[in-house]
C-alpha atoms as a PDB file:
ATOM      1  CA  MET A   1     -21.150 -58.195 -62.569  1.00  0.00           C
ATOM      2  CA  SER A   2     -19.482 -56.391 -65.307  1.00  0.00           C
ATOM      3  CA  LYS A   3     -16.036 -55.035 -65.002  1.00  0.00           C
ATOM      4  CA  LYS A   4     -17.322 -51.509 -65.216  1.00  0.00           C
ATOM      5  CA  ASN A   5     -19.761 -52.053 -62.403  1.00  0.00           C
ATOM      6  CA  HIS A   6     -17.103 -53.657 -60.333  1.00  0.00           C
ATOM      7  CA  ASP A   7     -14.778 -50.677 -60.838  1.00  0.00           C
ATOM      8  CA  GLU A   8     -17.596 -48.278 -60.036  1.00  0.00           C
ATOM      9  CA  VAL A   9     -18.450 -50.163 -56.865  1.00  0.00           C
ATOM     10  CA  LYS A  10     -14.792 -50.233 -55.899  1.00  0.00           C
ATOM     11  CA  THR A  11     -14.489 -46.472 -56.473  1.00  0.00           C
ATOM     12  CA  GLU A  12     -17.657 -45.830 -54.476  1.00  0.00           C
ATOM     13  CA  MET A  13     -16.348 -47.954 -51.607  1.00  0.00           C
ATOM     14  CA  ILE A  14     -13.030 -46.127 -51.667  1.00  0.00           C
ATOM     15  CA  ASP A  15     -14.891 -42.802 -51.708  1.00  0.00           C
ATOM     16  CA  ASP A  16     -17.043 -43.960 -48.780  1.00  0.00           C
ATOM     17  CA  VAL A  17     -13.944 -45.046 -46.823  1.00  0.00           C
ATOM     18  CA  GLU A  18     -12.238 -41.722 -47.579  1.00  0.00           C
ATOM     19  CA  ILE A  19     -15.321 -39.829 -46.351  1.00  0.00           C
ATOM     20  CA  VAL A  20     -15.428 -41.917 -43.166  1.00  0.00           C
ATOM     21  CA  VAL A  21     -11.675 -41.385 -42.603  1.00  0.00           C
ATOM     22  CA  GLU A  22     -11.975 -37.667 -43.319  1.00  0.00           C
ATOM     23  CA  ASN A  23     -14.944 -37.338 -40.958  1.00  0.00           C
ATOM     24  CA  ASP A  24     -13.124 -39.294 -38.261  1.00  0.00           C
ATOM     25  CA  PHE A  25     -10.001 -37.186 -38.767  1.00  0.00           C
ATOM     26  CA  GLU A  26     -12.018 -33.938 -38.598  1.00  0.00           C
ATOM     27  CA  ASN A  27     -13.772 -35.150 -35.453  1.00  0.00           C
ATOM     28  CA  GLN A  28     -10.459 -36.015 -33.829  1.00  0.00           C
ATOM     29  CA  LEU A  29      -8.972 -32.706 -34.971  1.00  0.00           C
ATOM     30  CA  ASN A  30     -11.934 -30.760 -33.570  1.00  0.00           C
ATOM     31  CA  GLU A  31     -11.698 -32.688 -30.308  1.00  0.00           C
ATOM     32  CA  LYS A  32      -7.978 -31.954 -30.015  1.00  0.00           C
ATOM     33  CA  GLN A  33      -8.566 -28.308 -30.902  1.00  0.00           C
ATOM     34  CA  SER A  34     -11.174 -28.093 -28.118  1.00  0.00           C
ATOM     35  CA  GLN A  35      -8.712 -29.669 -25.677  1.00  0.00           C
ATOM     36  CA  ILE A  36      -6.017 -27.193 -26.720  1.00  0.00           C
ATOM     37  CA  GLU A  37      -8.399 -24.262 -26.209  1.00  0.00           C
ATOM     38  CA  GLU A  38      -9.374 -25.649 -22.799  1.00  0.00           C
ATOM     39  CA  TYR A  39      -5.716 -26.039 -21.786  1.00  0.00           C
ATOM     40  CA  VAL A  40      -4.852 -22.542 -23.014  1.00  0.00           C
ATOM     41  CA  ASP A  41      -7.798 -21.129 -21.064  1.00  0.00           C
ATOM     42  CA  LYS A  42      -6.696 -22.981 -17.896  1.00  0.00           C
ATOM     43  CA  LEU A  43      -3.129 -21.746 -18.375  1.00  0.00           C
ATOM     44  CA  GLN A  44      -4.273 -18.144 -18.825  1.00  0.00           C
ATOM     45  CA  ARG A  45      -6.453 -18.376 -15.715  1.00  0.00           C
ATOM     46  CA  THR A  46      -3.607 -19.892 -13.715  1.00  0.00           C
ATOM     47  CA  LEU A  47      -1.225 -17.157 -14.864  1.00  0.00           C
ATOM     48  CA  ALA A  48      -3.766 -14.468 -13.935  1.00  0.00           C
ATOM     49  CA  GLU A  49      -4.333 -16.050 -10.501  1.00  0.00           C
ATOM     50  CA  PHE A  50      -0.588 -16.229  -9.917  1.00  0.00           C
ATOM     51  CA  ASP A  51      -0.154 -12.591 -10.960  1.00  0.00           C
ATOM     52  CA  ASN A  52      -2.958 -11.554  -8.591  1.00  0.00           C
ATOM     53  CA  PHE A  53      -1.368 -13.623  -5.805  1.00  0.00           C
ATOM     54  CA  ARG A  54       2.007 -11.974  -6.427  1.00  0.00           C
ATOM     55  CA  LYS A  55       0.493  -8.469  -6.348  1.00  0.00           C
ATOM     56  CA  ARG A  56      -1.538  -9.233  -3.230  1.00  0.00           C
ATOM     57  CA  THR A  57       1.547 -10.647  -1.501  1.00  0.00           C
ATOM     58  CA  GLN A  58       3.565  -7.540  -2.363  1.00  0.00           C
ATOM     59  CA  LYS A  59       0.819  -5.271  -0.977  1.00  0.00           C
ATOM     60  CA  GLU A  60       0.582  -7.332   2.215  1.00  0.00           C
ATOM     61  CA  LYS A  61       4.359  -7.246   2.620  1.00  0.00           C
ATOM     62  CA  ALA A  62       4.454  -3.465   2.170  1.00  0.00           C
ATOM     63  CA  SER A  63       1.521  -3.076   4.554  1.00  0.00           C
ATOM     64  CA  MET A  64       3.235  -5.213   7.204  1.00  0.00           C
ATOM     65  CA  TYR A  65       6.401  -3.124   6.855  1.00  0.00           C
ATOM     66  CA  ASP A  66       4.428   0.122   7.207  1.00  0.00           C
ATOM     67  CA  ASP A  67       2.500  -1.226  10.198  1.00  0.00           C
ATOM     68  CA  GLY A  68       5.735  -2.284  11.896  1.00  0.00           C
ATOM     69  CA  ALA A  69       7.414   1.035  11.162  1.00  0.00           C
ATOM     70  CA  ARG A  70       4.346   2.957  12.385  1.00  0.00           C
ATOM     71  CA  ASP A  71       4.259   0.950  15.640  1.00  0.00           C
ATOM     72  CA  THR A  72       7.968   1.532  16.221  1.00  0.00           C
ATOM     73  CA  ILE A  73       7.716   5.250  15.491  1.00  0.00           C
ATOM     74  CA  GLU A  74       4.717   5.558  17.798  1.00  0.00           C
ATOM     75  CA  LYS A  75       6.770   4.009  20.619  1.00  0.00           C
ATOM     76  CA  LEU A  76       9.646   6.432  19.946  1.00  0.00           C
ATOM     77  CA  LEU A  77       7.505   9.593  20.109  1.00  0.00           C
ATOM     78  CA  PRO A  78       7.635   9.857  23.933  1.00  0.00           C
ATOM     79  CA  VAL A  79      11.441   9.776  23.652  1.00  0.00           C
ATOM     80  CA  ILE A  80      11.293  12.755  21.270  1.00  0.00           C
ATOM     81  CA  ASP A  81       8.984  14.559  23.708  1.00  0.00           C
ATOM     82  CA  ASN A  82      11.431  13.959  26.548  1.00  0.00           C
ATOM     83  CA  PHE A  83      14.353  15.187  24.447  1.00  0.00           C
ATOM     84  CA  GLU A  84      12.451  18.419  23.721  1.00  0.00           C
ATOM     85  CA  ARG A  85      11.631  18.878  27.416  1.00  0.00           C
ATOM     86  CA  ALA A  86      15.254  18.246  28.409  1.00  0.00           C
ATOM     87  CA  ILE A  87      16.585  20.699  25.821  1.00  0.00           C
ATOM     88  CA  SER A  88      14.105  23.412  26.784  1.00  0.00           C
ATOM     89  CA  SER A  89      14.898  23.013  30.497  1.00  0.00           C
ATOM     90  CA  ILE A  90      18.636  23.709  30.077  1.00  0.00           C
ATOM     91  CA  GLU A  91      19.263  27.425  30.585  1.00  0.00           C
ATOM     92  CA  ASP A  92      22.939  27.582  29.593  1.00  0.00           C
ATOM     93  CA  LYS A  93      22.815  27.072  25.816  1.00  0.00           C
ATOM     94  CA  ASN A  94      26.644  27.015  25.642  1.00  0.00           C
ATOM     95  CA  ASN A  95      26.843  24.094  28.033  1.00  0.00           C
ATOM     96  CA  SER A  96      28.408  21.006  26.379  1.00  0.00           C
ATOM     97  CA  PHE A  97      25.623  18.878  27.854  1.00  0.00           C
ATOM     98  CA  TYR A  98      23.059  21.047  26.062  1.00  0.00           C
ATOM     99  CA  VAL A  99      25.033  20.975  22.780  1.00  0.00           C
ATOM    100  CA  GLY A 100      25.292  17.165  22.938  1.00  0.00           C
ATOM    101  CA  PHE A 101      21.589  16.769  23.655  1.00  0.00           C
ATOM    102  CA  GLU A 102      20.732  19.111  20.806  1.00  0.00           C
ATOM    103  CA  MET A 103      22.961  17.190  18.372  1.00  0.00           C
ATOM    104  CA  ILE A 104      21.372  13.862  19.322  1.00  0.00           C
ATOM    105  CA  PHE A 105      17.889  15.372  19.055  1.00  0.00           C
ATOM    106  CA  LYS A 106      18.671  16.824  15.623  1.00  0.00           C
ATOM    107  CA  GLN A 107      20.050  13.478  14.409  1.00  0.00           C
ATOM    108  CA  PHE A 108      16.984  11.670  15.742  1.00  0.00           C
ATOM    109  CA  ASN A 109      14.669  14.070  13.888  1.00  0.00           C
ATOM    110  CA  GLU A 110      16.671  13.689  10.650  1.00  0.00           C
ATOM    111  CA  ILE A 111      16.318   9.900  10.830  1.00  0.00           C
ATOM    112  CA  LEU A 112      12.572  10.188  11.385  1.00  0.00           C
ATOM    113  CA  ALA A 113      12.271  12.642   8.482  1.00  0.00           C
ATOM    114  CA  ASP A 114      14.173  10.215   6.227  1.00  0.00           C
ATOM    115  CA  LEU A 115      11.656   7.525   7.191  1.00  0.00           C
ATOM    116  CA  GLY A 116       8.767   9.773   6.159  1.00  0.00           C
ATOM    117  CA  VAL A 117       7.708  11.041   9.583  1.00  0.00           C
ATOM    118  CA  LYS A 118       6.392  14.605   9.547  1.00  0.00           C
ATOM    119  CA  GLU A 119       5.345  16.930  12.310  1.00  0.00           C
ATOM    120  CA  ILE A 120       1.725  18.084  12.089  1.00  0.00           C
ATOM    121  CA  ALA A 121       1.377  21.834  11.659  1.00  0.00           C
ATOM    122  CA  ALA A 122      -0.648  23.264  14.518  1.00  0.00           C
ATOM    123  CA  VAL A 123      -0.142  26.831  15.803  1.00  0.00           C
ATOM    124  CA  GLY A 124      -2.056  29.325  13.683  1.00  0.00           C
ATOM    125  CA  GLU A 125      -3.831  26.581  11.749  1.00  0.00           C
ATOM    126  CA  PRO A 126      -7.591  26.025  11.774  1.00  0.00           C
ATOM    127  CA  PHE A 127      -8.597  23.326  14.253  1.00  0.00           C
ATOM    128  CA  ASP A 128      -9.052  19.962  12.495  1.00  0.00           C
ATOM    129  CA  THR A 129     -10.385  16.987  14.463  1.00  0.00           C
ATOM    130  CA  ASN A 130      -8.549  14.602  12.129  1.00  0.00           C
ATOM    131  CA  ILE A 131      -5.113  15.861  13.177  1.00  0.00           C
ATOM    132  CA  HIS A 132      -5.680  17.925  16.351  1.00  0.00           C
ATOM    133  CA  PHE A 133      -6.923  16.985  19.793  1.00  0.00           C
ATOM    134  CA  ALA A 134      -8.264  19.973  21.743  1.00  0.00           C
ATOM    135  CA  VAL A 135      -7.340  19.847  25.422  1.00  0.00           C
ATOM    136  CA  ALA A 136      -8.423  23.407  26.226  1.00  0.00           C
ATOM    137  CA  HIS A 137     -10.292  26.397  24.832  1.00  0.00           C
ATOM    138  CA  VAL A 138      -8.952  29.893  25.458  1.00  0.00           C
ATOM    139  CA  GLU A 139     -10.200  33.417  24.847  1.00  0.00           C
ATOM    140  CA  ASP A 140      -7.902  35.046  22.292  1.00  0.00           C
ATOM    141  CA  ASP A 141      -9.171  37.929  20.190  1.00  0.00           C
ATOM    142  CA  SER A 142      -5.915  38.187  18.239  1.00  0.00           C
ATOM    143  CA  VAL A 143      -6.754  35.048  16.220  1.00  0.00           C
ATOM    144  CA  GLY A 144      -9.947  33.765  14.643  1.00  0.00           C
ATOM    145  CA  GLU A 145     -12.367  31.364  16.211  1.00  0.00           C
ATOM    146  CA  ASN A 146     -11.374  27.669  16.130  1.00  0.00           C
ATOM    147  CA  THR A 147      -7.738  28.526  15.474  1.00  0.00           C
ATOM    148  CA  VAL A 148      -4.974  26.613  17.230  1.00  0.00           C
ATOM    149  CA  VAL A 149      -3.158  29.040  19.556  1.00  0.00           C
ATOM    150  CA  ASP A 150      -0.831  26.731  21.470  1.00  0.00           C
ATOM    151  CA  ILE A 151       0.527  23.216  21.210  1.00  0.00           C
ATOM    152  CA  MET A 152       0.779  21.003  24.262  1.00  0.00           C
ATOM    153  CA  GLN A 153       2.173  17.939  22.520  1.00  0.00           C
ATOM    154  CA  LYS A 154       3.306  17.635  18.917  1.00  0.00           C
ATOM    155  CA  GLY A 155       1.504  15.348  16.529  1.00  0.00           C
ATOM    156  CA  TYR A 156       3.100  13.317  13.753  1.00  0.00           C
ATOM    157  CA  THR A 157       2.214  11.590  10.509  1.00  0.00           C
ATOM    158  CA  TYR A 158       3.884   8.670   8.775  1.00  0.00           C
ATOM    159  CA  LYS A 159       3.285   8.341   5.030  1.00  0.00           C
ATOM    160  CA  GLU A 160       0.266  10.653   5.222  1.00  0.00           C
ATOM    161  CA  LYS A 161      -1.345   8.674   8.077  1.00  0.00           C
ATOM    162  CA  VAL A 162      -1.677  10.217  11.515  1.00  0.00           C
ATOM    163  CA  ILE A 163       0.424   8.446  14.122  1.00  0.00           C
ATOM    164  CA  ARG A 164      -0.465  10.827  16.936  1.00  0.00           C
ATOM    165  CA  CYS A 165      -2.735  13.869  16.906  1.00  0.00           C
ATOM    166  CA  SER A 166      -1.377  17.207  18.159  1.00  0.00           C
ATOM    167  CA  MET A 167      -2.689  18.147  21.616  1.00  0.00           C
ATOM    168  CA  VAL A 168      -3.635  21.800  21.274  1.00  0.00           C
ATOM    169  CA  ARG A 169      -5.381  24.804  22.821  1.00  0.00           C
ATOM    170  CA  VAL A 170      -8.000  26.334  20.578  1.00  0.00           C
ATOM    171  CA  ALA A 171      -9.330  29.880  20.507  1.00  0.00           C
ATOM    172  CA  ASN A 172     -13.051  30.341  21.135  1.00  0.00           C
END
């Protein structure tokens, strides 16, 4: 073999080795790039799942608080009814017993209002089965048909949800 041929063969072999090394390197690089993309995708999915879990947990926590508050308020409503009956039964409005009862009742109502409890409007309002419970129908020409004329028991809402419907008399 001539020197020139030998050099050419050597150069070709080096070129072949470089091509093999480059191809191997590119294959490894592509494989690593695919792994990186897979890991990034898994990380993004995990972060999204965690964010969804956090939001769901916050909603459940708020819902449990509202359910507990609603249950407690519902159990306190008969106490409010009894306070109103006691206050209305006292004839001497200057009596210290009456004044004390009225102060406690007012404080109780302020606390409920601060919690978001609202009394349902009834008298003079159109009858609504979602917030009123009709216990009697009366003839009353002074108001329109299906208008609430009297309230037997007050109804209440908590955060726009009905805790107890108003028991009412409705005009025919």
